[in-house]
N, C-alpha and C. Protein backbone atom coordinates (compact mmCIF):
# COMPACT_ATOMS: atom_id res chain seq x y z
N MET A 1 39.90 -45.78 -3.65
CA MET A 1 39.41 -45.51 -2.27
C MET A 1 38.34 -46.19 -1.84
N ASN A 2 37.48 -46.61 -2.77
CA ASN A 2 36.42 -47.41 -2.56
C ASN A 2 36.67 -48.75 -2.12
N THR A 3 36.94 -49.33 -0.74
CA THR A 3 37.44 -50.57 -0.68
C THR A 3 36.86 -51.24 0.78
N VAL A 4 36.89 -52.30 0.82
CA VAL A 4 36.10 -53.01 1.89
C VAL A 4 37.36 -53.12 2.74
N ASN A 5 37.13 -52.60 4.08
CA ASN A 5 38.39 -52.37 4.92
C ASN A 5 37.83 -52.97 6.21
N THR A 6 38.56 -53.84 6.65
CA THR A 6 38.09 -54.48 8.22
C THR A 6 38.39 -53.44 9.33
N GLU A 7 39.31 -52.47 8.91
CA GLU A 7 39.72 -51.37 10.15
C GLU A 7 39.53 -50.28 9.40
N PRO A 8 38.06 -49.84 9.23
CA PRO A 8 37.99 -48.38 8.70
C PRO A 8 38.56 -47.34 9.28
N GLN A 9 38.62 -47.30 10.49
CA GLN A 9 39.50 -46.25 11.29
C GLN A 9 40.75 -45.85 11.25
N GLU A 10 41.55 -47.16 11.24
CA GLU A 10 42.97 -47.16 10.80
C GLU A 10 43.22 -46.91 9.38
N PHE A 11 42.04 -47.21 8.11
CA PHE A 11 42.42 -46.74 6.90
C PHE A 11 42.52 -44.83 7.02
N TRP A 12 41.48 -44.45 7.57
CA TRP A 12 41.38 -43.03 7.81
C TRP A 12 42.44 -42.39 8.48
N MET A 13 43.04 -42.84 9.31
CA MET A 13 43.97 -42.35 10.12
C MET A 13 45.15 -42.36 9.05
N LYS A 14 45.64 -43.34 8.19
CA LYS A 14 46.66 -43.71 7.89
C LYS A 14 46.44 -42.49 6.36
N PHE A 15 45.16 -42.43 5.80
CA PHE A 15 45.26 -41.49 4.88
C PHE A 15 45.13 -40.00 5.36
N LYS A 16 44.76 -39.75 6.37
CA LYS A 16 44.96 -38.24 6.97
C LYS A 16 46.57 -38.21 7.20
N THR A 17 47.02 -39.15 7.50
CA THR A 17 48.79 -38.87 7.68
C THR A 17 49.22 -38.55 6.29
N GLU A 18 48.78 -39.44 5.38
CA GLU A 18 49.51 -39.34 4.09
C GLU A 18 49.32 -37.90 3.55
N LEU A 19 47.80 -37.47 3.63
CA LEU A 19 47.65 -35.97 3.16
C LEU A 19 48.31 -34.94 3.82
N GLU A 20 48.41 -35.08 5.16
CA GLU A 20 49.23 -34.28 6.05
C GLU A 20 50.88 -34.13 5.51
N ASN A 21 51.19 -35.17 4.92
CA ASN A 21 52.71 -35.48 4.61
C ASN A 21 53.07 -34.74 3.15
N ASN A 22 51.71 -34.92 2.63
CA ASN A 22 51.82 -34.49 1.12
C ASN A 22 51.42 -33.14 0.58
N PHE A 23 50.48 -32.15 1.57
CA PHE A 23 50.06 -31.35 1.32
C PHE A 23 50.13 -30.25 2.48
N THR A 24 50.40 -29.01 1.80
CA THR A 24 50.34 -27.66 2.99
C THR A 24 49.05 -27.18 2.98
N PHE A 25 48.44 -27.32 4.21
CA PHE A 25 46.96 -26.80 4.12
C PHE A 25 47.16 -25.08 4.63
N PRO A 26 45.92 -24.64 3.99
CA PRO A 26 44.98 -24.90 3.18
C PRO A 26 45.68 -24.99 1.78
N THR A 27 44.82 -25.96 1.13
CA THR A 27 45.15 -26.35 -0.27
C THR A 27 43.94 -26.63 -1.19
N GLU A 28 44.39 -26.92 -2.24
CA GLU A 28 43.40 -27.14 -3.43
C GLU A 28 43.53 -28.82 -3.63
N TYR A 29 42.48 -29.47 -3.43
CA TYR A 29 42.75 -30.88 -3.51
C TYR A 29 41.61 -31.25 -4.58
N THR A 30 42.13 -32.37 -5.63
CA THR A 30 41.47 -32.79 -6.67
C THR A 30 40.90 -34.33 -6.46
N TYR A 31 39.64 -34.42 -6.63
CA TYR A 31 39.10 -35.86 -6.21
C TYR A 31 38.54 -36.19 -7.84
N LYS A 32 38.69 -37.50 -7.88
CA LYS A 32 38.38 -38.01 -9.16
C LYS A 32 37.28 -39.37 -8.65
N PHE A 33 36.01 -39.44 -9.39
CA PHE A 33 35.01 -40.26 -9.05
C PHE A 33 34.39 -40.71 -10.67
N ILE A 34 34.04 -41.98 -10.40
CA ILE A 34 33.25 -42.43 -11.47
C ILE A 34 31.95 -42.97 -10.82
N LEU A 35 30.94 -42.35 -11.46
CA LEU A 35 29.48 -43.02 -11.22
C LEU A 35 28.62 -43.19 -12.37
N PRO A 36 27.64 -44.28 -12.04
CA PRO A 36 26.82 -44.34 -13.10
C PRO A 36 25.90 -43.25 -13.44
N THR A 37 25.58 -42.91 -14.69
CA THR A 37 25.01 -41.80 -15.26
C THR A 37 23.72 -41.88 -14.45
N ASP A 38 23.66 -40.96 -13.42
CA ASP A 38 22.14 -40.89 -12.81
C ASP A 38 22.22 -39.66 -12.31
N THR A 39 21.28 -38.68 -12.66
CA THR A 39 21.17 -37.23 -12.30
C THR A 39 20.84 -37.36 -10.48
N THR A 40 20.48 -38.09 -9.99
CA THR A 40 20.16 -38.32 -8.41
C THR A 40 21.49 -38.59 -7.83
N LYS A 41 22.40 -39.40 -8.43
CA LYS A 41 23.45 -39.77 -7.84
C LYS A 41 24.66 -38.64 -8.12
N LEU A 42 24.64 -37.94 -9.14
CA LEU A 42 25.28 -36.69 -9.47
C LEU A 42 25.02 -35.61 -8.49
N LYS A 43 23.91 -35.53 -8.32
CA LYS A 43 23.14 -34.29 -7.45
C LYS A 43 23.74 -34.68 -6.06
N GLN A 44 23.59 -35.90 -5.18
CA GLN A 44 24.28 -36.29 -4.03
C GLN A 44 25.66 -36.00 -3.95
N LEU A 45 26.29 -36.16 -5.23
CA LEU A 45 27.85 -35.94 -5.06
C LEU A 45 27.96 -34.43 -5.04
N THR A 46 27.45 -33.59 -5.97
CA THR A 46 27.75 -32.17 -5.94
C THR A 46 27.18 -31.62 -4.68
N THR A 47 26.45 -32.07 -4.04
CA THR A 47 25.91 -31.75 -2.61
C THR A 47 27.05 -31.78 -1.58
N ILE A 48 27.79 -32.58 -1.59
CA ILE A 48 29.01 -32.80 -0.76
C ILE A 48 29.66 -31.58 -0.67
N PHE A 49 29.83 -31.03 -1.93
CA PHE A 49 30.66 -29.59 -1.95
C PHE A 49 30.20 -28.38 -2.14
N ASP A 50 28.49 -28.50 -1.59
CA ASP A 50 28.15 -27.11 -1.36
C ASP A 50 28.74 -26.22 -0.28
N GLY A 51 28.89 -25.14 -0.69
CA GLY A 51 29.49 -24.09 0.08
C GLY A 51 31.07 -24.03 0.08
N MET A 52 31.51 -24.78 -0.82
CA MET A 52 33.14 -24.96 -0.92
C MET A 52 33.40 -24.14 -2.18
N LYS A 53 34.45 -23.71 -2.51
CA LYS A 53 34.85 -23.22 -3.81
C LYS A 53 35.26 -24.54 -4.66
N ALA A 54 34.52 -24.93 -5.26
CA ALA A 54 34.45 -26.20 -6.00
C ALA A 54 34.15 -26.12 -7.37
N ILE A 55 35.22 -26.82 -8.00
CA ILE A 55 34.93 -26.55 -9.45
C ILE A 55 34.84 -28.11 -9.96
N PHE A 56 33.87 -28.22 -10.89
CA PHE A 56 33.30 -29.52 -11.47
C PHE A 56 33.79 -29.82 -12.93
N SER A 57 34.24 -30.90 -13.18
CA SER A 57 34.50 -31.28 -14.50
C SER A 57 33.79 -32.62 -14.78
N TYR A 58 32.70 -32.92 -15.77
CA TYR A 58 32.28 -34.18 -16.00
C TYR A 58 32.47 -34.50 -17.37
N ARG A 59 32.73 -35.94 -17.49
CA ARG A 59 32.86 -36.63 -18.67
C ARG A 59 32.00 -37.77 -18.86
N GLU A 60 31.07 -38.03 -19.62
CA GLU A 60 30.39 -39.28 -19.98
C GLU A 60 31.06 -40.19 -20.86
N SER A 61 31.02 -41.54 -20.49
CA SER A 61 31.69 -42.46 -21.03
C SER A 61 31.07 -42.60 -22.51
N SER A 62 31.54 -43.33 -23.25
CA SER A 62 31.02 -43.65 -24.81
C SER A 62 29.93 -44.31 -24.75
N THR A 63 29.72 -44.93 -23.85
CA THR A 63 28.12 -45.66 -23.78
C THR A 63 27.06 -44.76 -23.15
N GLY A 64 27.54 -43.89 -22.46
CA GLY A 64 26.60 -42.94 -21.54
C GLY A 64 26.40 -43.58 -20.33
N LYS A 65 26.87 -44.72 -20.03
CA LYS A 65 26.31 -45.36 -18.76
C LYS A 65 27.36 -44.90 -17.37
N TYR A 66 28.18 -44.37 -17.61
CA TYR A 66 29.02 -44.10 -16.63
C TYR A 66 29.43 -42.32 -16.67
N THR A 67 29.54 -41.69 -15.70
CA THR A 67 30.15 -40.29 -16.09
C THR A 67 31.41 -40.33 -15.15
N SER A 68 32.66 -39.58 -15.47
CA SER A 68 33.57 -39.16 -14.66
C SER A 68 33.37 -37.89 -14.01
N ILE A 69 33.74 -37.80 -12.76
CA ILE A 69 33.80 -36.33 -12.34
C ILE A 69 35.15 -36.06 -11.64
N THR A 70 35.58 -34.78 -12.20
CA THR A 70 37.12 -34.33 -11.40
C THR A 70 36.36 -33.13 -10.58
N ILE A 71 36.88 -33.29 -9.41
CA ILE A 71 36.31 -32.00 -8.29
C ILE A 71 37.60 -31.48 -7.99
N ALA A 72 37.84 -30.08 -8.12
CA ALA A 72 38.88 -29.30 -7.41
C ALA A 72 38.18 -28.44 -6.72
N ALA A 73 38.59 -28.58 -5.07
CA ALA A 73 37.95 -28.02 -4.15
C ALA A 73 38.95 -27.63 -2.88
N TYR A 74 38.89 -26.36 -2.30
CA TYR A 74 39.77 -25.90 -1.49
C TYR A 74 39.63 -26.59 0.12
N HIS A 75 40.39 -26.76 0.80
CA HIS A 75 40.15 -27.60 2.09
C HIS A 75 41.25 -26.87 2.99
N ALA A 76 40.54 -26.54 4.35
CA ALA A 76 41.56 -26.06 5.20
C ALA A 76 42.55 -27.13 5.86
N ASP A 77 42.18 -28.47 6.02
CA ASP A 77 42.86 -29.35 6.62
C ASP A 77 42.52 -30.81 6.01
N ALA A 78 43.19 -31.88 6.32
CA ALA A 78 42.91 -33.18 6.22
C ALA A 78 41.61 -33.52 6.20
N ASP A 79 41.27 -33.21 7.39
CA ASP A 79 39.91 -33.74 7.98
C ASP A 79 38.52 -33.41 6.96
N GLU A 80 38.56 -32.25 6.39
CA GLU A 80 37.56 -31.84 5.58
C GLU A 80 37.57 -32.88 4.25
N ILE A 81 38.88 -33.11 3.65
CA ILE A 81 38.96 -34.15 2.43
C ILE A 81 38.44 -35.48 3.10
N ILE A 82 38.77 -35.89 4.12
CA ILE A 82 38.40 -37.05 4.55
C ILE A 82 36.91 -37.28 4.76
N GLU A 83 36.29 -36.28 5.16
CA GLU A 83 34.56 -36.15 5.44
C GLU A 83 34.11 -36.08 4.13
N CYS A 84 34.62 -35.53 3.04
CA CYS A 84 33.91 -35.61 1.99
C CYS A 84 34.17 -36.88 1.01
N TYR A 85 35.20 -37.43 1.38
CA TYR A 85 35.18 -38.93 0.95
C TYR A 85 34.24 -39.85 1.77
N LYS A 86 34.24 -39.84 2.85
CA LYS A 86 33.29 -40.40 3.91
C LYS A 86 32.05 -40.10 3.34
N GLN A 87 31.35 -39.16 2.82
CA GLN A 87 30.33 -39.12 2.41
C GLN A 87 29.89 -39.57 1.15
N ALA A 88 31.17 -39.16 0.15
CA ALA A 88 30.93 -39.85 -1.07
C ALA A 88 30.64 -41.23 -1.29
N VAL A 89 31.44 -42.00 -0.50
CA VAL A 89 31.38 -43.52 -0.42
C VAL A 89 30.13 -44.08 -0.04
N LEU A 90 29.35 -43.12 0.26
CA LEU A 90 27.88 -43.64 0.91
C LEU A 90 27.02 -43.84 -0.59
N ILE A 91 27.17 -43.06 -1.62
CA ILE A 91 26.56 -42.99 -2.81
C ILE A 91 26.75 -44.62 -3.44
N GLU A 92 25.79 -45.06 -3.76
CA GLU A 92 25.64 -46.31 -4.39
C GLU A 92 26.31 -46.31 -5.97
N GLY A 93 27.22 -47.10 -5.90
CA GLY A 93 27.87 -47.44 -7.52
C GLY A 93 29.32 -46.33 -7.66
N ILE A 94 29.21 -45.45 -6.80
CA ILE A 94 30.60 -44.41 -6.77
C ILE A 94 31.86 -45.51 -6.64
N LYS A 95 32.78 -44.81 -7.53
CA LYS A 95 34.26 -45.55 -7.44
C LYS A 95 35.12 -44.03 -7.23
N SER A 96 35.99 -44.23 -6.38
CA SER A 96 37.08 -43.22 -6.44
C SER A 96 38.42 -43.55 -7.04
N MET A 97 38.97 -42.53 -7.77
CA MET A 97 40.25 -42.83 -8.43
C MET A 97 41.48 -42.40 -7.66
């Protein structure tokens, strides 16, 4: 998901269509991210999901440099999912799977 895209609006519109074609809303959606192990960055990510019924799972790499985070959260529609991704990609060093 973390990509250099010359047409970001087109990317998000296509992604929204894919979500709407593959999920019945409201739904639980699972995110997977990898971040450099940094408590500030991890807090930035978890803050995006404040107020949502989200479940977080963390796994640190064998070297401790990176942490993978799986987040399961309920969303009313595709726009909520897209908004979470748009906020997440602003975190330096984040990768989405």
